[in-house]
C-alpha atoms as a PDB file:
ATOM      1  CA  MET A   1     -45.610  56.876  -1.277  1.00  0.00           C
ATOM      2  CA  THR A   2     -48.837  58.869  -1.030  1.00  0.00           C
ATOM      3  CA  THR A   3     -49.048  61.222   1.946  1.00  0.00           C
ATOM      4  CA  ARG A   4     -52.146  62.331   3.810  1.00  0.00           C
ATOM      5  CA  LYS A   5     -52.422  64.921   6.564  1.00  0.00           C
ATOM      6  CA  ILE A   6     -54.097  63.888   9.827  1.00  0.00           C
ATOM      7  CA  THR A   7     -54.828  66.594  12.388  1.00  0.00           C
ATOM      8  CA  VAL A   8     -55.616  65.667  15.984  1.00  0.00           C
ATOM      9  CA  VAL A   9     -57.507  68.043  18.289  1.00  0.00           C
ATOM     10  CA  SER A  10     -57.320  67.240  22.015  1.00  0.00           C
ATOM     11  CA  ALA A  11     -59.381  69.255  24.493  1.00  0.00           C
ATOM     12  CA  GLY A  12     -57.968  67.795  27.703  1.00  0.00           C
ATOM     13  CA  LEU A  13     -57.499  70.340  30.477  1.00  0.00           C
ATOM     14  CA  SER A  14     -54.972  68.587  32.693  1.00  0.00           C
ATOM     15  CA  GLN A  15     -51.410  67.657  31.870  1.00  0.00           C
ATOM     16  CA  PRO A  16     -50.979  64.796  31.372  1.00  0.00           C
ATOM     17  CA  SER A  17     -54.565  63.883  30.523  1.00  0.00           C
ATOM     18  CA  SER A  18     -56.432  60.738  29.535  1.00  0.00           C
ATOM     19  CA  THR A  19     -57.900  62.780  26.673  1.00  0.00           C
ATOM     20  CA  ARG A  20     -54.443  63.309  25.162  1.00  0.00           C
ATOM     21  CA  LEU A  21     -53.560  59.681  25.848  1.00  0.00           C
ATOM     22  CA  LEU A  22     -56.606  58.524  23.869  1.00  0.00           C
ATOM     23  CA  ALA A  23     -55.829  61.034  21.107  1.00  0.00           C
ATOM     24  CA  ASP A  24     -52.308  59.660  20.771  1.00  0.00           C
ATOM     25  CA  ARG A  25     -53.525  56.052  20.608  1.00  0.00           C
ATOM     26  CA  LEU A  26     -56.042  56.922  17.915  1.00  0.00           C
ATOM     27  CA  ALA A  27     -53.455  58.858  15.914  1.00  0.00           C
ATOM     28  CA  GLN A  28     -51.029  55.942  16.044  1.00  0.00           C
ATOM     29  CA  ALA A  29     -53.732  53.481  15.004  1.00  0.00           C
ATOM     30  CA  VAL A  30     -54.719  55.685  12.040  1.00  0.00           C
ATOM     31  CA  ARG A  31     -51.063  56.035  11.027  1.00  0.00           C
ATOM     32  CA  ASP A  32     -50.529  52.255  11.201  1.00  0.00           C
ATOM     33  CA  ASP A  33     -53.695  51.479   9.242  1.00  0.00           C
ATOM     34  CA  LEU A  34     -52.886  53.979   6.496  1.00  0.00           C
ATOM     35  CA  LEU A  35     -49.397  52.547   6.176  1.00  0.00           C
ATOM     36  CA  THR A  36     -50.838  49.126   5.333  1.00  0.00           C
ATOM     37  CA  SER A  37     -52.564  50.808   2.366  1.00  0.00           C
ATOM     38  CA  GLY A  38     -49.350  52.409   1.175  1.00  0.00           C
ATOM     39  CA  VAL A  39     -50.252  55.825   2.547  1.00  0.00           C
ATOM     40  CA  GLU A  40     -47.943  57.772   4.830  1.00  0.00           C
ATOM     41  CA  ALA A  41     -49.649  59.873   7.505  1.00  0.00           C
ATOM     42  CA  GLU A  42     -48.353  63.290   8.486  1.00  0.00           C
ATOM     43  CA  VAL A  43     -49.839  63.672  11.986  1.00  0.00           C
ATOM     44  CA  THR A  44     -50.095  66.941  13.909  1.00  0.00           C
ATOM     45  CA  VAL A  45     -51.558  67.130  17.422  1.00  0.00           C
ATOM     46  CA  HIS A  46     -53.015  70.325  18.878  1.00  0.00           C
ATOM     47  CA  GLU A  47     -53.753  70.767  22.595  1.00  0.00           C
ATOM     48  CA  LEU A  48     -56.592  73.277  22.920  1.00  0.00           C
ATOM     49  CA  ARG A  49     -55.620  74.120  26.514  1.00  0.00           C
ATOM     50  CA  GLU A  50     -52.619  75.938  25.070  1.00  0.00           C
ATOM     51  CA  HIS A  51     -54.929  78.223  23.074  1.00  0.00           C
ATOM     52  CA  ALA A  52     -57.750  78.718  25.597  1.00  0.00           C
ATOM     53  CA  HIS A  53     -57.282  82.475  25.980  1.00  0.00           C
ATOM     54  CA  ASP A  54     -56.956  82.989  22.234  1.00  0.00           C
ATOM     55  CA  ILE A  55     -60.142  80.996  21.609  1.00  0.00           C
ATOM     56  CA  THR A  56     -62.031  83.233  24.044  1.00  0.00           C
ATOM     57  CA  ASN A  57     -60.586  86.369  22.439  1.00  0.00           C
ATOM     58  CA  ALA A  58     -61.569  85.114  18.990  1.00  0.00           C
ATOM     59  CA  MET A  59     -65.148  84.568  20.141  1.00  0.00           C
ATOM     60  CA  LEU A  60     -65.286  88.077  21.619  1.00  0.00           C
ATOM     61  CA  THR A  61     -63.595  89.952  18.775  1.00  0.00           C
ATOM     62  CA  GLY A  62     -64.248  87.791  15.735  1.00  0.00           C
ATOM     63  CA  PHE A  63     -60.510  87.651  14.982  1.00  0.00           C
ATOM     64  CA  ALA A  64     -58.170  84.765  15.774  1.00  0.00           C
ATOM     65  CA  PRO A  65     -54.655  85.606  17.010  1.00  0.00           C
ATOM     66  CA  ALA A  66     -51.824  84.259  14.871  1.00  0.00           C
ATOM     67  CA  GLY A  67     -51.160  81.178  17.010  1.00  0.00           C
ATOM     68  CA  LEU A  68     -54.787  80.099  17.014  1.00  0.00           C
ATOM     69  CA  GLN A  69     -55.185  80.912  13.315  1.00  0.00           C
ATOM     70  CA  ALA A  70     -52.358  78.521  12.530  1.00  0.00           C
ATOM     71  CA  VAL A  71     -54.259  75.748  14.335  1.00  0.00           C
ATOM     72  CA  LEU A  72     -57.495  76.597  12.536  1.00  0.00           C
ATOM     73  CA  ASP A  73     -55.689  76.555   9.190  1.00  0.00           C
ATOM     74  CA  ASP A  74     -54.173  73.184  10.038  1.00  0.00           C
ATOM     75  CA  VAL A  75     -57.608  71.754  10.814  1.00  0.00           C
ATOM     76  CA  VAL A  76     -59.059  73.074   7.556  1.00  0.00           C
ATOM     77  CA  ALA A  77     -56.124  71.728   5.516  1.00  0.00           C
ATOM     78  CA  ALA A  78     -56.287  68.230   7.027  1.00  0.00           C
ATOM     79  CA  ASP A  79     -57.347  65.202   5.013  1.00  0.00           C
ATOM     80  CA  GLY A  80     -58.842  63.719   8.174  1.00  0.00           C
ATOM     81  CA  LEU A  81     -59.490  64.775  11.775  1.00  0.00           C
ATOM     82  CA  VAL A  82     -59.310  62.978  15.101  1.00  0.00           C
ATOM     83  CA  VAL A  83     -61.133  65.003  17.771  1.00  0.00           C
ATOM     84  CA  VAL A  84     -61.166  64.079  21.455  1.00  0.00           C
ATOM     85  CA  THR A  85     -62.892  65.859  24.332  1.00  0.00           C
ATOM     86  CA  PRO A  86     -63.444  65.197  28.007  1.00  0.00           C
ATOM     87  CA  ILE A  87     -67.110  64.924  28.939  1.00  0.00           C
ATOM     88  CA  PHE A  88     -68.412  67.457  31.456  1.00  0.00           C
ATOM     89  CA  THR A  89     -72.060  67.506  32.591  1.00  0.00           C
ATOM     90  CA  ALA A  90     -73.037  64.912  29.967  1.00  0.00           C
ATOM     91  CA  SER A  91     -71.605  66.834  26.993  1.00  0.00           C
ATOM     92  CA  TYR A  92     -68.388  68.050  25.322  1.00  0.00           C
ATOM     93  CA  SER A  93     -66.268  70.606  27.143  1.00  0.00           C
ATOM     94  CA  GLY A  94     -66.844  74.320  26.616  1.00  0.00           C
ATOM     95  CA  LEU A  95     -63.299  74.701  25.297  1.00  0.00           C
ATOM     96  CA  PHE A  96     -63.890  72.005  22.678  1.00  0.00           C
ATOM     97  CA  LYS A  97     -67.160  73.569  21.511  1.00  0.00           C
ATOM     98  CA  SER A  98     -65.725  77.097  21.475  1.00  0.00           C
ATOM     99  CA  PHE A  99     -62.846  76.023  19.247  1.00  0.00           C
ATOM    100  CA  PHE A 100     -65.172  74.663  16.591  1.00  0.00           C
ATOM    101  CA  ASP A 101     -67.420  77.712  16.982  1.00  0.00           C
ATOM    102  CA  VAL A 102     -64.623  79.977  15.719  1.00  0.00           C
ATOM    103  CA  LEU A 103     -64.013  77.922  12.575  1.00  0.00           C
ATOM    104  CA  GLU A 104     -65.276  79.471   9.356  1.00  0.00           C
ATOM    105  CA  LYS A 105     -68.665  78.208   8.173  1.00  0.00           C
ATOM    106  CA  ASP A 106     -68.512  75.085   5.963  1.00  0.00           C
ATOM    107  CA  SER A 107     -64.767  74.642   6.541  1.00  0.00           C
ATOM    108  CA  LEU A 108     -65.337  71.031   7.657  1.00  0.00           C
ATOM    109  CA  ALA A 109     -67.795  70.141   4.893  1.00  0.00           C
ATOM    110  CA  GLY A 110     -67.008  66.692   3.534  1.00  0.00           C
ATOM    111  CA  LYS A 111     -64.021  66.185   5.857  1.00  0.00           C
ATOM    112  CA  PRO A 112     -63.645  62.722   7.479  1.00  0.00           C
ATOM    113  CA  VAL A 113     -63.764  62.972  11.280  1.00  0.00           C
ATOM    114  CA  LEU A 114     -63.240  60.415  14.036  1.00  0.00           C
ATOM    115  CA  ILE A 115     -64.939  61.489  17.286  1.00  0.00           C
ATOM    116  CA  ALA A 116     -63.796  60.318  20.711  1.00  0.00           C
ATOM    117  CA  ALA A 117     -64.265  61.244  24.359  1.00  0.00           C
ATOM    118  CA  THR A 118     -63.079  60.464  27.870  1.00  0.00           C
ATOM    119  CA  ALA A 119     -64.801  60.593  31.254  1.00  0.00           C
ATOM    120  CA  GLY A 120     -64.589  59.151  34.719  1.00  0.00           C
ATOM    121  CA  THR A 121     -67.533  56.835  34.221  1.00  0.00           C
ATOM    122  CA  ALA A 122     -69.094  54.919  31.327  1.00  0.00           C
ATOM    123  CA  ARG A 123     -72.425  56.613  32.080  1.00  0.00           C
ATOM    124  CA  HIS A 124     -71.235  59.519  29.916  1.00  0.00           C
ATOM    125  CA  SER A 125     -70.577  57.388  26.826  1.00  0.00           C
ATOM    126  CA  LEU A 126     -73.807  58.388  25.059  1.00  0.00           C
ATOM    127  CA  ALA A 127     -72.580  61.985  24.899  1.00  0.00           C
ATOM    128  CA  LEU A 128     -70.731  60.949  21.746  1.00  0.00           C
ATOM    129  CA  GLU A 129     -74.031  60.195  20.033  1.00  0.00           C
ATOM    130  CA  HIS A 130     -76.278  62.932  21.428  1.00  0.00           C
ATOM    131  CA  ALA A 131     -73.731  65.769  21.464  1.00  0.00           C
ATOM    132  CA  LEU A 132     -70.608  65.251  19.325  1.00  0.00           C
ATOM    133  CA  ARG A 133     -72.074  63.392  16.354  1.00  0.00           C
ATOM    134  CA  PRO A 134     -74.937  65.887  15.819  1.00  0.00           C
ATOM    135  CA  MET A 135     -72.514  68.819  16.072  1.00  0.00           C
ATOM    136  CA  PHE A 136     -70.225  67.483  13.357  1.00  0.00           C
ATOM    137  CA  ALA A 137     -73.199  66.448  11.242  1.00  0.00           C
ATOM    138  CA  TYR A 138     -74.358  70.070  11.448  1.00  0.00           C
ATOM    139  CA  LEU A 139     -70.880  71.135  10.306  1.00  0.00           C
ATOM    140  CA  ARG A 140     -71.364  68.736   7.350  1.00  0.00           C
ATOM    141  CA  ALA A 141     -68.332  66.649   8.243  1.00  0.00           C
ATOM    142  CA  VAL A 142     -68.285  62.913   7.419  1.00  0.00           C
ATOM    143  CA  VAL A 143     -68.220  61.245  10.841  1.00  0.00           C
ATOM    144  CA  VAL A 144     -67.006  57.636  10.913  1.00  0.00           C
ATOM    145  CA  PRO A 145     -69.526  55.092  12.273  1.00  0.00           C
ATOM    146  CA  THR A 146     -67.465  54.017  15.287  1.00  0.00           C
ATOM    147  CA  ALA A 147     -67.052  56.563  18.074  1.00  0.00           C
ATOM    148  CA  VAL A 148     -64.506  55.819  20.804  1.00  0.00           C
ATOM    149  CA  PHE A 149     -65.208  56.398  24.487  1.00  0.00           C
ATOM    150  CA  ALA A 150     -62.771  55.695  27.308  1.00  0.00           C
ATOM    151  CA  ALA A 151     -63.785  55.702  30.965  1.00  0.00           C
ATOM    152  CA  SER A 152     -61.278  55.479  33.815  1.00  0.00           C
ATOM    153  CA  GLU A 153     -61.627  51.692  34.029  1.00  0.00           C
ATOM    154  CA  ASP A 154     -60.712  51.322  30.348  1.00  0.00           C
ATOM    155  CA  TRP A 155     -57.096  52.193  31.078  1.00  0.00           C
ATOM    156  CA  GLY A 156     -56.365  48.949  32.936  1.00  0.00           C
ATOM    157  CA  GLY A 157     -54.295  46.057  31.638  1.00  0.00           C
ATOM    158  CA  VAL A 158     -50.627  45.317  31.174  1.00  0.00           C
ATOM    159  CA  ASP A 159     -50.130  47.891  28.399  1.00  0.00           C
ATOM    160  CA  GLY A 160     -52.315  50.535  30.035  1.00  0.00           C
ATOM    161  CA  VAL A 161     -55.381  49.854  27.892  1.00  0.00           C
ATOM    162  CA  ASN A 162     -57.875  47.003  27.941  1.00  0.00           C
ATOM    163  CA  GLY A 163     -58.692  44.830  24.954  1.00  0.00           C
ATOM    164  CA  ALA A 164     -62.193  46.230  24.437  1.00  0.00           C
ATOM    165  CA  LEU A 165     -60.940  49.819  24.174  1.00  0.00           C
ATOM    166  CA  GLN A 166     -58.086  48.850  21.869  1.00  0.00           C
ATOM    167  CA  SER A 167     -60.551  47.018  19.631  1.00  0.00           C
ATOM    168  CA  ARG A 168     -62.702  50.152  19.337  1.00  0.00           C
ATOM    169  CA  VAL A 169     -59.630  52.283  18.680  1.00  0.00           C
ATOM    170  CA  GLU A 170     -58.492  50.025  15.841  1.00  0.00           C
ATOM    171  CA  ARG A 171     -61.964  49.750  14.308  1.00  0.00           C
ATOM    172  CA  ALA A 172     -62.539  53.517  14.323  1.00  0.00           C
ATOM    173  CA  ALA A 173     -59.018  54.154  13.005  1.00  0.00           C
ATOM    174  CA  GLY A 174     -59.645  51.727  10.153  1.00  0.00           C
ATOM    175  CA  GLU A 175     -62.849  53.521   9.221  1.00  0.00           C
ATOM    176  CA  LEU A 176     -61.131  56.907   9.186  1.00  0.00           C
ATOM    177  CA  SER A 177     -58.100  55.691   7.256  1.00  0.00           C
ATOM    178  CA  THR A 178     -60.345  54.139   4.597  1.00  0.00           C
ATOM    179  CA  LEU A 179     -62.051  57.489   4.007  1.00  0.00           C
ATOM    180  CA  VAL A 180     -58.772  59.414   4.107  1.00  0.00           C
ATOM    181  CA  ALA A 181     -56.946  57.058   1.735  1.00  0.00           C
ATOM    182  CA  ALA A 182     -59.768  57.314  -0.810  1.00  0.00           C
ATOM    183  CA  ARG A 183     -59.997  61.088  -0.560  1.00  0.00           C
ATOM    184  CA  ALA A 184     -58.089  63.481  -2.801  1.00  0.00           C
ATOM    185  CA  SER A 185     -55.578  65.386  -0.705  1.00  0.00           C
ATOM    186  CA  SER A 186     -56.890  68.740   0.525  1.00  0.00           C
ATOM    187  CA  ALA A 187     -53.378  70.231   0.661  1.00  0.00           C
ATOM    188  CA  PRO A 188     -53.069  73.530  -1.236  1.00  0.00           C
ATOM    189  CA  VAL A 189     -52.098  73.097  -4.887  1.00  0.00           C
ATOM    190  CA  ASP A 190     -49.063  74.978  -6.171  1.00  0.00           C
ATOM    191  CA  PRO A 191     -50.321  76.922  -9.214  1.00  0.00           C
ATOM    192  CA  PHE A 192     -46.762  77.109 -10.563  1.00  0.00           C
ATOM    193  CA  ALA A 193     -45.995  73.393 -10.236  1.00  0.00           C
ATOM    194  CA  MET A 194     -44.995  71.666 -13.481  1.00  0.00           C
ATOM    195  CA  THR A 195     -47.674  69.119 -14.378  1.00  0.00           C
ATOM    196  CA  THR A 196     -46.421  68.546 -17.940  1.00  0.00           C
ATOM    197  CA  SER A 197     -42.943  67.332 -18.885  1.00  0.00           C
ATOM    198  CA  PHE A 198     -40.628  69.476 -21.024  1.00  0.00           C
ATOM    199  CA  GLU A 199     -40.693  66.767 -23.699  1.00  0.00           C
ATOM    200  CA  ASP A 200     -44.480  67.030 -23.998  1.00  0.00           C
ATOM    201  CA  LEU A 201     -44.311  70.802 -24.069  1.00  0.00           C
ATOM    202  CA  LEU A 202     -41.761  70.756 -26.897  1.00  0.00           C
ATOM    203  CA  SER A 203     -43.756  68.216 -28.872  1.00  0.00           C
ATOM    204  CA  GLY A 204     -46.937  70.265 -28.507  1.00  0.00           C
ATOM    205  CA  SER A 205     -48.873  67.395 -26.951  1.00  0.00           C
END
């Protein structure tokens, strides 16, 4: 079975947080959708709150500590990204923006990205379109058409999420999985891997 790497970046500040909850639902939906296409998803979730001090140090010094560098490398190596931020003052959080500020230039070029956000009120939902989408367009990422926003009232219902939110989650996940499944894996290639059989080598073909 083909394998693709999905990296999830969650910028929630509290623990637990609705931002992480939304990130997990999106990751599961992407995994399920890829599986229907015969693609297995290797999902890794990164909580930026755990790297807040390192992100600040990287901005001040220009060098990322080892722990943060591992996260940055994971983002760059991913076949697709799910990024989720809380909305503060009608825009993404400073922690979320700072993390992507320390990425190397053009490292997200051509990478499929699903953008999502959480807030206490639906009045902040347009931040996805006037803040997050332009930022990732500037980074030359391929942002899926459906952005997912969850306000406090969206977490109602028997299973902890209402039907409208779940519908958006599944639609956005389907869009990301379609791009990821069609994309050549961005995992590093082993230069010493055998790509020709011994029989072909011996026959000179």
